[in-house]
Amino acid sequence: MLLWASPFSYGGTVEPDVMQLFMSGGANFAFGVFLYMQNKDLQKRADDREEKQEKKEEELRLRYDKVITDLQQREENIRKDLVTEMNDLDKRMSLLEQKVQIVAEVVQEIKNKFVRVTNAN
């Protein structure tokens, strides 16, 4: 029994030899089609699962990249603040040193005046 090309339910057309095989193959052919369709479905599921996993990995990678960038920015800000604070403290220490020097000079003058007054008596 030879049939001409006829529509196949999964798209395209079935060649006459394949149609003849389908008609005469019986259960083995039907089982083969079942296995083929099951494999095709399982492969599609695996591909979808892999795509979903890759998407999740990319989202995680982006999140961690953002966290790392934020931490690096925070560290840089802390470093800048420390440098600014240290410069400010250095200026304040210089001013304090100048004031202590002035106080030391005043104390020395008072001491010298005191010694002169004591020697004069």
Protein backbone atom coordinates (compact mmCIF):
# COMPACT_ATOMS: atom_id res chain seq x y z
CA MET A 1 0.00 0.00 0.00
CA LEU A 2 1.74 3.12 -1.20
CA LEU A 3 0.45 6.52 -0.13
CA TRP A 4 1.50 9.91 -1.40
CA ALA A 5 2.89 12.54 0.90
CA SER A 6 0.36 13.39 3.57
CA PRO A 7 0.36 15.91 6.41
CA PHE A 8 2.08 14.82 9.61
CA SER A 9 0.67 16.04 12.93
CA TYR A 10 4.01 17.54 14.00
CA GLY A 11 4.53 19.65 10.91
CA GLY A 12 5.78 18.88 7.43
CA THR A 13 4.73 15.92 5.36
CA VAL A 14 5.36 12.20 5.65
CA GLU A 15 7.06 10.53 2.70
CA PRO A 16 5.28 7.52 1.20
CA ASP A 17 7.97 5.07 2.43
CA VAL A 18 7.67 6.37 5.98
CA MET A 19 3.88 6.18 5.79
CA GLN A 20 4.17 2.61 4.54
CA LEU A 21 6.51 1.83 7.45
CA PHE A 22 4.05 3.44 9.86
CA MET A 23 1.17 1.36 8.53
CA SER A 24 3.07 -1.91 8.51
CA GLY A 25 5.34 -1.34 11.55
CA GLY A 26 2.60 -1.57 14.09
CA ALA A 27 3.50 -1.43 17.75
CA ASN A 28 7.26 -1.18 17.22
CA PHE A 29 6.93 1.88 15.04
CA ALA A 30 4.44 3.48 17.45
CA PHE A 31 6.82 2.75 20.34
CA GLY A 32 9.69 4.27 18.34
CA VAL A 33 7.63 7.41 17.71
CA PHE A 34 6.75 7.54 21.38
CA LEU A 35 10.43 7.26 22.37
CA TYR A 36 11.38 9.91 19.82
CA MET A 37 8.72 12.32 21.05
CA GLN A 38 9.59 11.63 24.69
CA ASN A 39 13.28 12.26 23.98
CA LYS A 40 12.40 15.46 22.14
CA ASP A 41 10.27 16.61 25.09
CA LEU A 42 12.94 15.70 27.66
CA GLN A 43 15.60 17.51 25.62
CA LYS A 44 13.38 20.62 25.48
CA ARG A 45 12.88 20.45 29.24
CA ALA A 46 16.61 20.04 29.82
CA ASP A 47 17.33 22.99 27.55
CA ASP A 48 14.74 25.11 29.37
CA ARG A 49 16.14 24.06 32.75
CA GLU A 50 19.69 24.87 31.62
CA GLU A 51 18.58 28.27 30.28
CA LYS A 52 16.79 28.99 33.57
CA GLN A 53 19.90 27.99 35.55
CA GLU A 54 22.12 30.19 33.39
CA LYS A 55 19.73 33.09 33.95
CA LYS A 56 19.86 32.55 37.73
CA GLU A 57 23.66 32.37 37.63
CA GLU A 58 23.82 35.62 35.67
CA GLU A 59 21.48 37.33 38.15
CA LEU A 60 23.65 36.09 41.05
CA ARG A 61 26.80 37.23 39.27
CA LEU A 62 25.29 40.69 38.73
CA ARG A 63 24.21 40.88 42.39
CA TYR A 64 27.63 39.91 43.67
CA ASP A 65 29.33 42.27 41.22
CA LYS A 66 27.13 45.05 42.60
CA VAL A 67 27.94 44.08 46.19
CA ILE A 68 31.67 44.00 45.42
CA THR A 69 31.46 47.36 43.64
CA ASP A 70 29.56 48.86 46.57
CA LEU A 71 32.12 47.52 49.06
CA GLN A 72 35.00 48.84 46.97
CA GLN A 73 33.33 52.25 46.77
CA ARG A 74 32.71 52.23 50.50
CA GLU A 75 36.34 51.28 51.17
CA GLU A 76 37.53 54.08 48.87
CA ASN A 77 35.27 56.58 50.67
CA ILE A 78 36.61 55.45 54.05
CA ARG A 79 40.16 55.76 52.77
CA LYS A 80 39.49 59.30 51.49
CA ASP A 81 37.86 60.25 54.80
CA LEU A 82 40.85 58.90 56.72
CA VAL A 83 43.30 60.83 54.56
CA THR A 84 41.27 64.01 55.04
CA GLU A 85 41.04 63.43 58.79
CA MET A 86 44.77 62.70 59.05
CA ASN A 87 45.61 65.88 57.12
CA ASP A 88 43.31 67.86 59.40
CA LEU A 89 44.92 66.31 62.50
CA ASP A 90 48.37 67.07 61.11
CA LYS A 91 47.41 70.75 60.65
CA ARG A 92 45.94 70.88 64.15
CA MET A 93 49.07 69.28 65.61
CA SER A 94 51.24 71.88 63.82
CA LEU A 95 49.12 74.68 65.27
CA LEU A 96 49.26 73.09 68.71
CA GLU A 97 53.03 72.74 68.42
CA GLN A 98 53.32 76.45 67.55
CA LYS A 99 51.14 77.39 70.53
CA VAL A 100 53.16 75.18 72.87
CA GLN A 101 56.32 76.82 71.56
CA ILE A 102 54.82 80.27 72.28
CA VAL A 103 53.81 79.14 75.79
CA ALA A 104 57.34 77.81 76.35
CA GLU A 105 58.80 81.15 75.27
CA VAL A 106 56.45 83.05 77.60
CA VAL A 107 57.33 80.75 80.49
CA GLN A 108 61.03 81.26 79.75
CA GLU A 109 60.54 85.07 79.75
CA ILE A 110 58.68 84.90 83.07
CA LYS A 111 61.44 82.72 84.45
CA ASN A 112 64.09 85.18 83.27
CA LYS A 113 62.18 88.11 84.83
CA PHE A 114 61.79 86.19 88.06
CA VAL A 115 65.51 85.41 88.17
CA ARG A 116 66.33 89.08 87.56
CA VAL A 117 63.98 90.19 90.34
CA THR A 118 65.42 87.60 92.68
CA ASN A 119 69.02 88.62 91.84
CA ALA A 120 68.15 92.28 92.32
CA ASN A 121 67.01 91.73 95.89
